[in-house]
Amino acid sequence: MQVKDLTTEELKALIRETVIETLGELLGDPDEGKEIRPEIKQQLFESRKRRAAGERGIPAEEVAKRFGLTFS
């Protein structure tokens, strides 16, 4: 079958499928299927605990200032 033989709906579906596939390739998770190191898991766990306890992290403005960046 050629593109000229497709209905409008079939062409739209083909384009949609192609765009989704391409975006998945470009924006996919490069770490998918990899294991998280135990120390990183622990850091994430501790961060979640602090956040749940109401502790806040460093404000983005402060991080930007530390690195000499402007934050708007």
PDB file of N, CA and C in Angstrom:
ATOM      1  N   MET A   1       0.849  -1.185   0.000  1.00  0.00           N
ATOM      2  CA  MET A   1       0.000   0.000   0.000  1.00  0.00           C
ATOM      3  C   MET A   1       0.891   1.244   0.000  1.00  0.00           C
ATOM      4  N   GLN A   2       0.494   2.229  -0.737  1.00  0.00           N
ATOM      5  CA  GLN A   2       1.235   3.480  -0.820  1.00  0.00           C
ATOM      6  C   GLN A   2       0.483   4.567  -0.063  1.00  0.00           C
ATOM      7  N   VAL A   3       1.201   5.633   0.260  1.00  0.00           N
ATOM      8  CA  VAL A   3       0.601   6.749   0.994  1.00  0.00           C
ATOM      9  C   VAL A   3      -0.608   7.296   0.247  1.00  0.00           C
ATOM     10  N   LYS A   4      -0.532   7.347  -1.056  1.00  0.00           N
ATOM     11  CA  LYS A   4      -1.648   7.896  -1.848  1.00  0.00           C
ATOM     12  C   LYS A   4      -2.925   7.075  -1.697  1.00  0.00           C
ATOM     13  N   ASP A   5      -2.785   5.835  -1.260  1.00  0.00           N
ATOM     14  CA  ASP A   5      -3.946   4.961  -1.100  1.00  0.00           C
ATOM     15  C   ASP A   5      -4.570   5.041   0.296  1.00  0.00           C
ATOM     16  N   LEU A   6      -3.925   5.760   1.209  1.00  0.00           N
ATOM     17  CA  LEU A   6      -4.429   5.856   2.583  1.00  0.00           C
ATOM     18  C   LEU A   6      -5.579   6.850   2.679  1.00  0.00           C
ATOM     19  N   THR A   7      -6.497   6.561   3.575  1.00  0.00           N
ATOM     20  CA  THR A   7      -7.547   7.538   3.870  1.00  0.00           C
ATOM     21  C   THR A   7      -6.935   8.620   4.750  1.00  0.00           C
ATOM     22  N   THR A   8      -7.660   9.699   4.916  1.00  0.00           N
ATOM     23  CA  THR A   8      -7.182  10.780   5.775  1.00  0.00           C
ATOM     24  C   THR A   8      -6.931  10.266   7.186  1.00  0.00           C
ATOM     25  N   GLU A   9      -7.842   9.464   7.704  1.00  0.00           N
ATOM     26  CA  GLU A   9      -7.699   8.932   9.064  1.00  0.00           C
ATOM     27  C   GLU A   9      -6.511   7.981   9.172  1.00  0.00           C
ATOM     28  N   GLU A  10      -6.300   7.161   8.163  1.00  0.00           N
ATOM     29  CA  GLU A  10      -5.157   6.245   8.172  1.00  0.00           C
ATOM     30  C   GLU A  10      -3.842   7.021   8.125  1.00  0.00           C
ATOM     31  N   LEU A  11      -3.807   8.082   7.322  1.00  0.00           N
ATOM     32  CA  LEU A  11      -2.604   8.910   7.233  1.00  0.00           C
ATOM     33  C   LEU A  11      -2.333   9.597   8.560  1.00  0.00           C
ATOM     34  N   LYS A  12      -3.380  10.142   9.186  1.00  0.00           N
ATOM     35  CA  LYS A  12      -3.222  10.778  10.496  1.00  0.00           C
ATOM     36  C   LYS A  12      -2.688   9.777  11.517  1.00  0.00           C
ATOM     37  N   ALA A  13      -3.235   8.567  11.512  1.00  0.00           N
ATOM     38  CA  ALA A  13      -2.793   7.530  12.448  1.00  0.00           C
ATOM     39  C   ALA A  13      -1.327   7.171  12.205  1.00  0.00           C
ATOM     40  N   LEU A  14      -0.935   7.077  10.947  1.00  0.00           N
ATOM     41  CA  LEU A  14       0.447   6.767  10.604  1.00  0.00           C
ATOM     42  C   LEU A  14       1.388   7.874  11.079  1.00  0.00           C
ATOM     43  N   ILE A  15       1.005   9.117  10.843  1.00  0.00           N
ATOM     44  CA  ILE A  15       1.820  10.253  11.280  1.00  0.00           C
ATOM     45  C   ILE A  15       1.914  10.271  12.797  1.00  0.00           C
ATOM     46  N   ARG A  16       0.786  10.085  13.473  1.00  0.00           N
ATOM     47  CA  ARG A  16       0.759  10.080  14.936  1.00  0.00           C
ATOM     48  C   ARG A  16       1.696   8.997  15.483  1.00  0.00           C
ATOM     49  N   GLU A  17       1.597   7.811  14.934  1.00  0.00           N
ATOM     50  CA  GLU A  17       2.425   6.684  15.363  1.00  0.00           C
ATOM     51  C   GLU A  17       3.909   6.983  15.142  1.00  0.00           C
ATOM     52  N   THR A  18       4.229   7.583  14.001  1.00  0.00           N
ATOM     53  CA  THR A  18       5.610   7.923  13.680  1.00  0.00           C
ATOM     54  C   THR A  18       6.152   8.975  14.635  1.00  0.00           C
ATOM     55  N   VAL A  19       5.352   9.992  14.934  1.00  0.00           N
ATOM     56  CA  VAL A  19       5.779  11.048  15.855  1.00  0.00           C
ATOM     57  C   VAL A  19       6.014  10.463  17.246  1.00  0.00           C
ATOM     58  N   ILE A  20       5.092   9.641  17.727  1.00  0.00           N
ATOM     59  CA  ILE A  20       5.233   9.035  19.054  1.00  0.00           C
ATOM     60  C   ILE A  20       6.491   8.172  19.113  1.00  0.00           C
ATOM     61  N   GLU A  21       6.720   7.390  18.087  1.00  0.00           N
ATOM     62  CA  GLU A  21       7.906   6.529  18.036  1.00  0.00           C
ATOM     63  C   GLU A  21       9.185   7.360  18.036  1.00  0.00           C
ATOM     64  N   THR A  22       9.209   8.417  17.233  1.00  0.00           N
ATOM     65  CA  THR A  22      10.390   9.272  17.141  1.00  0.00           C
ATOM     66  C   THR A  22      10.650   9.991  18.456  1.00  0.00           C
ATOM     67  N   LEU A  23       9.604  10.536  19.071  1.00  0.00           N
ATOM     68  CA  LEU A  23       9.779  11.203  20.361  1.00  0.00           C
ATOM     69  C   LEU A  23      10.277  10.224  21.418  1.00  0.00           C
ATOM     70  N   GLY A  24       9.763   9.006  21.394  1.00  0.00           N
ATOM     71  CA  GLY A  24      10.226   7.985  22.331  1.00  0.00           C
ATOM     72  C   GLY A  24      11.707   7.704  22.171  1.00  0.00           C
ATOM     73  N   GLU A  25      12.166   7.668  20.936  1.00  0.00           N
ATOM     74  CA  GLU A  25      13.587   7.441  20.671  1.00  0.00           C
ATOM     75  C   GLU A  25      14.430   8.621  21.137  1.00  0.00           C
ATOM     76  N   LEU A  26      13.957   9.835  20.880  1.00  0.00           N
ATOM     77  CA  LEU A  26      14.726  11.031  21.219  1.00  0.00           C
ATOM     78  C   LEU A  26      14.691  11.359  22.702  1.00  0.00           C
ATOM     79  N   LEU A  27      13.544  11.150  23.329  1.00  0.00           N
ATOM     80  CA  LEU A  27      13.361  11.574  24.710  1.00  0.00           C
ATOM     81  C   LEU A  27      13.288  10.415  25.693  1.00  0.00           C
ATOM     82  N   GLY A  28      13.543   9.223  25.230  1.00  0.00           N
ATOM     83  CA  GLY A  28      13.455   8.053  26.093  1.00  0.00           C
ATOM     84  C   GLY A  28      14.440   8.128  27.251  1.00  0.00           C
ATOM     85  N   ASP A  29      14.194   7.321  28.251  1.00  0.00           N
ATOM     86  CA  ASP A  29      15.045   7.278  29.437  1.00  0.00           C
ATOM     87  C   ASP A  29      16.278   6.428  29.143  1.00  0.00           C
ATOM     88  N   PRO A  30      17.466   7.041  29.079  1.00  0.00           N
ATOM     89  CA  PRO A  30      18.671   6.268  28.771  1.00  0.00           C
ATOM     90  C   PRO A  30      19.040   5.291  29.885  1.00  0.00           C
ATOM     91  N   ASP A  31      18.477   5.483  31.069  1.00  0.00           N
ATOM     92  CA  ASP A  31      18.785   4.611  32.202  1.00  0.00           C
ATOM     93  C   ASP A  31      17.733   3.531  32.418  1.00  0.00           C
ATOM     94  N   GLU A  32      16.774   3.455  31.520  1.00  0.00           N
ATOM     95  CA  GLU A  32      15.710   2.466  31.665  1.00  0.00           C
ATOM     96  C   GLU A  32      16.302   1.064  31.736  1.00  0.00           C
ATOM     97  N   GLY A  33      15.864   0.308  32.735  1.00  0.00           N
ATOM     98  CA  GLY A  33      16.323  -1.058  32.902  1.00  0.00           C
ATOM     99  C   GLY A  33      17.599  -1.194  33.705  1.00  0.00           C
ATOM    100  N   LYS A  34      18.236  -0.090  34.035  1.00  0.00           N
ATOM    101  CA  LYS A  34      19.461  -0.139  34.827  1.00  0.00           C
ATOM    102  C   LYS A  34      19.111  -0.122  36.308  1.00  0.00           C
ATOM    103  N   GLU A  35      19.995  -0.674  37.102  1.00  0.00           N
ATOM    104  CA  GLU A  35      19.810  -0.704  38.546  1.00  0.00           C
ATOM    105  C   GLU A  35      20.320   0.596  39.165  1.00  0.00           C
ATOM    106  N   ILE A  36      19.644   1.028  40.218  1.00  0.00           N
ATOM    107  CA  ILE A  36      20.099   2.197  40.973  1.00  0.00           C
ATOM    108  C   ILE A  36      21.041   1.694  42.057  1.00  0.00           C
ATOM    109  N   ARG A  37      22.191   2.329  42.167  1.00  0.00           N
ATOM    110  CA  ARG A  37      23.163   1.919  43.187  1.00  0.00           C
ATOM    111  C   ARG A  37      22.560   2.098  44.574  1.00  0.00           C
ATOM    112  N   PRO A  38      22.905   1.216  45.507  1.00  0.00           N
ATOM    113  CA  PRO A  38      22.337   1.279  46.861  1.00  0.00           C
ATOM    114  C   PRO A  38      22.532   2.636  47.536  1.00  0.00           C
ATOM    115  N   GLU A  39      23.690   3.266  47.346  1.00  0.00           N
ATOM    116  CA  GLU A  39      23.934   4.556  48.003  1.00  0.00           C
ATOM    117  C   GLU A  39      23.026   5.649  47.434  1.00  0.00           C
ATOM    118  N   ILE A  40      22.714   5.563  46.159  1.00  0.00           N
ATOM    119  CA  ILE A  40      21.801   6.533  45.546  1.00  0.00           C
ATOM    120  C   ILE A  40      20.387   6.295  46.047  1.00  0.00           C
ATOM    121  N   LYS A  41      19.991   5.026  46.145  1.00  0.00           N
ATOM    122  CA  LYS A  41      18.674   4.703  46.704  1.00  0.00           C
ATOM    123  C   LYS A  41      18.543   5.280  48.107  1.00  0.00           C
ATOM    124  N   GLN A  42      19.599   5.136  48.908  1.00  0.00           N
ATOM    125  CA  GLN A  42      19.574   5.639  50.280  1.00  0.00           C
ATOM    126  C   GLN A  42      19.449   7.162  50.290  1.00  0.00           C
ATOM    127  N   GLN A  43      20.181   7.840  49.425  1.00  0.00           N
ATOM    128  CA  GLN A  43      20.096   9.301  49.349  1.00  0.00           C
ATOM    129  C   GLN A  43      18.687   9.737  48.970  1.00  0.00           C
ATOM    130  N   LEU A  44      18.092   9.057  48.012  1.00  0.00           N
ATOM    131  CA  LEU A  44      16.728   9.393  47.604  1.00  0.00           C
ATOM    132  C   LEU A  44      15.737   9.136  48.736  1.00  0.00           C
ATOM    133  N   PHE A  45      15.910   8.029  49.435  1.00  0.00           N
ATOM    134  CA  PHE A  45      15.046   7.699  50.559  1.00  0.00           C
ATOM    135  C   PHE A  45      15.138   8.772  51.642  1.00  0.00           C
ATOM    136  N   GLU A  46      16.361   9.174  51.985  1.00  0.00           N
ATOM    137  CA  GLU A  46      16.563  10.205  53.010  1.00  0.00           C
ATOM    138  C   GLU A  46      15.952  11.534  52.565  1.00  0.00           C
ATOM    139  N   SER A  47      16.108  11.862  51.308  1.00  0.00           N
ATOM    140  CA  SER A  47      15.541  13.102  50.778  1.00  0.00           C
ATOM    141  C   SER A  47      14.019  13.089  50.890  1.00  0.00           C
ATOM    142  N   ARG A  48      13.405  11.965  50.554  1.00  0.00           N
ATOM    143  CA  ARG A  48      11.940  11.841  50.678  1.00  0.00           C
ATOM    144  C   ARG A  48      11.497  11.978  52.126  1.00  0.00           C
ATOM    145  N   LYS A  49      12.249  11.372  53.031  1.00  0.00           N
ATOM    146  CA  LYS A  49      11.908  11.463  54.454  1.00  0.00           C
ATOM    147  C   LYS A  49      11.966  12.912  54.929  1.00  0.00           C
ATOM    148  N   ARG A  50      13.034  13.617  54.550  1.00  0.00           N
ATOM    149  CA  ARG A  50      13.166  15.024  54.962  1.00  0.00           C
ATOM    150  C   ARG A  50      12.024  15.857  54.393  1.00  0.00           C
ATOM    151  N   ARG A  51      11.703  15.621  53.149  1.00  0.00           N
ATOM    152  CA  ARG A  51      10.620  16.371  52.492  1.00  0.00           C
ATOM    153  C   ARG A  51       9.282  16.086  53.177  1.00  0.00           C
ATOM    154  N   ALA A  52       9.025  14.816  53.503  1.00  0.00           N
ATOM    155  CA  ALA A  52       7.779  14.441  54.177  1.00  0.00           C
ATOM    156  C   ALA A  52       7.691  15.060  55.565  1.00  0.00           C
ATOM    157  N   ALA A  53       8.852  15.294  56.185  1.00  0.00           N
ATOM    158  CA  ALA A  53       8.890  15.904  57.515  1.00  0.00           C
ATOM    159  C   ALA A  53       8.774  17.425  57.435  1.00  0.00           C
ATOM    160  N   GLY A  54       8.655  17.954  56.216  1.00  0.00           N
ATOM    161  CA  GLY A  54       8.476  19.389  56.053  1.00  0.00           C
ATOM    162  C   GLY A  54       9.753  20.160  55.804  1.00  0.00           C
ATOM    163  N   GLU A  55      10.877  19.467  55.781  1.00  0.00           N
ATOM    164  CA  GLU A  55      12.147  20.144  55.543  1.00  0.00           C
ATOM    165  C   GLU A  55      12.238  20.534  54.071  1.00  0.00           C
ATOM    166  N   ARG A  56      12.689  21.728  53.838  1.00  0.00           N
ATOM    167  CA  ARG A  56      12.803  22.222  52.471  1.00  0.00           C
ATOM    168  C   ARG A  56      14.250  22.131  52.007  1.00  0.00           C
ATOM    169  N   GLY A  57      14.430  22.048  50.716  1.00  0.00           N
ATOM    170  CA  GLY A  57      15.770  22.022  50.145  1.00  0.00           C
ATOM    171  C   GLY A  57      16.292  23.434  49.960  1.00  0.00           C
ATOM    172  N   ILE A  58      17.353  23.550  49.208  1.00  0.00           N
ATOM    173  CA  ILE A  58      17.953  24.853  48.927  1.00  0.00           C
ATOM    174  C   ILE A  58      17.116  25.524  47.844  1.00  0.00           C
ATOM    175  N   PRO A  59      16.685  26.768  48.074  1.00  0.00           N
ATOM    176  CA  PRO A  59      15.898  27.468  47.052  1.00  0.00           C
ATOM    177  C   PRO A  59      16.689  27.600  45.741  1.00  0.00           C
ATOM    178  N   ALA A  60      15.988  27.527  44.629  1.00  0.00           N
ATOM    179  CA  ALA A  60      16.627  27.609  43.316  1.00  0.00           C
ATOM    180  C   ALA A  60      17.422  28.903  43.164  1.00  0.00           C
ATOM    181  N   GLU A  61      16.903  29.982  43.728  1.00  0.00           N
ATOM    182  CA  GLU A  61      17.614  31.263  43.641  1.00  0.00           C
ATOM    183  C   GLU A  61      18.986  31.172  44.306  1.00  0.00           C
ATOM    184  N   GLU A  62      19.068  30.459  45.433  1.00  0.00           N
ATOM    185  CA  GLU A  62      20.335  30.306  46.153  1.00  0.00           C
ATOM    186  C   GLU A  62      21.312  29.448  45.351  1.00  0.00           C
ATOM    187  N   VAL A  63      20.816  28.394  44.758  1.00  0.00           N
ATOM    188  CA  VAL A  63      21.672  27.538  43.929  1.00  0.00           C
ATOM    189  C   VAL A  63      22.218  28.346  42.755  1.00  0.00           C
ATOM    190  N   ALA A  64      21.358  29.108  42.099  1.00  0.00           N
ATOM    191  CA  ALA A  64      21.791  29.938  40.973  1.00  0.00           C
ATOM    192  C   ALA A  64      22.859  30.928  41.420  1.00  0.00           C
ATOM    193  N   LYS A  65      22.641  31.540  42.572  1.00  0.00           N
ATOM    194  CA  LYS A  65      23.595  32.526  43.092  1.00  0.00           C
ATOM    195  C   LYS A  65      24.954  31.870  43.343  1.00  0.00           C
ATOM    196  N   ARG A  66      24.949  30.677  43.919  1.00  0.00           N
ATOM    197  CA  ARG A  66      26.199  29.961  44.213  1.00  0.00           C
ATOM    198  C   ARG A  66      27.004  29.688  42.946  1.00  0.00           C
ATOM    199  N   PHE A  67      26.303  29.479  41.842  1.00  0.00           N
ATOM    200  CA  PHE A  67      26.976  29.160  40.589  1.00  0.00           C
ATOM    201  C   PHE A  67      27.116  30.376  39.671  1.00  0.00           C
ATOM    202  N   GLY A  68      26.798  31.552  40.203  1.00  0.00           N
ATOM    203  CA  GLY A  68      26.943  32.773  39.425  1.00  0.00           C
ATOM    204  C   GLY A  68      25.934  32.907  38.299  1.00  0.00           C
ATOM    205  N   LEU A  69      24.764  32.306  38.477  1.00  0.00           N
ATOM    206  CA  LEU A  69      23.726  32.360  37.455  1.00  0.00           C
ATOM    207  C   LEU A  69      22.624  33.312  37.883  1.00  0.00           C
ATOM    208  N   THR A  70      21.871  33.784  36.924  1.00  0.00           N
ATOM    209  CA  THR A  70      20.706  34.593  37.263  1.00  0.00           C
ATOM    210  C   THR A  70      19.480  33.712  37.170  1.00  0.00           C
ATOM    211  N   PHE A  71      18.576  33.898  38.081  1.00  0.00           N
ATOM    212  CA  PHE A  71      17.371  33.080  38.147  1.00  0.00           C
ATOM    213  C   PHE A  71      16.182  34.001  38.033  1.00  0.00           C
ATOM    214  N   SER A  72      15.331  33.751  37.036  1.00  0.00           N
ATOM    215  CA  SER A  72      14.164  34.614  36.879  1.00  0.00           C
ATOM    216  C   SER A  72      12.902  33.834  37.076  1.00  0.00           C
TER     217      SER A  72
END
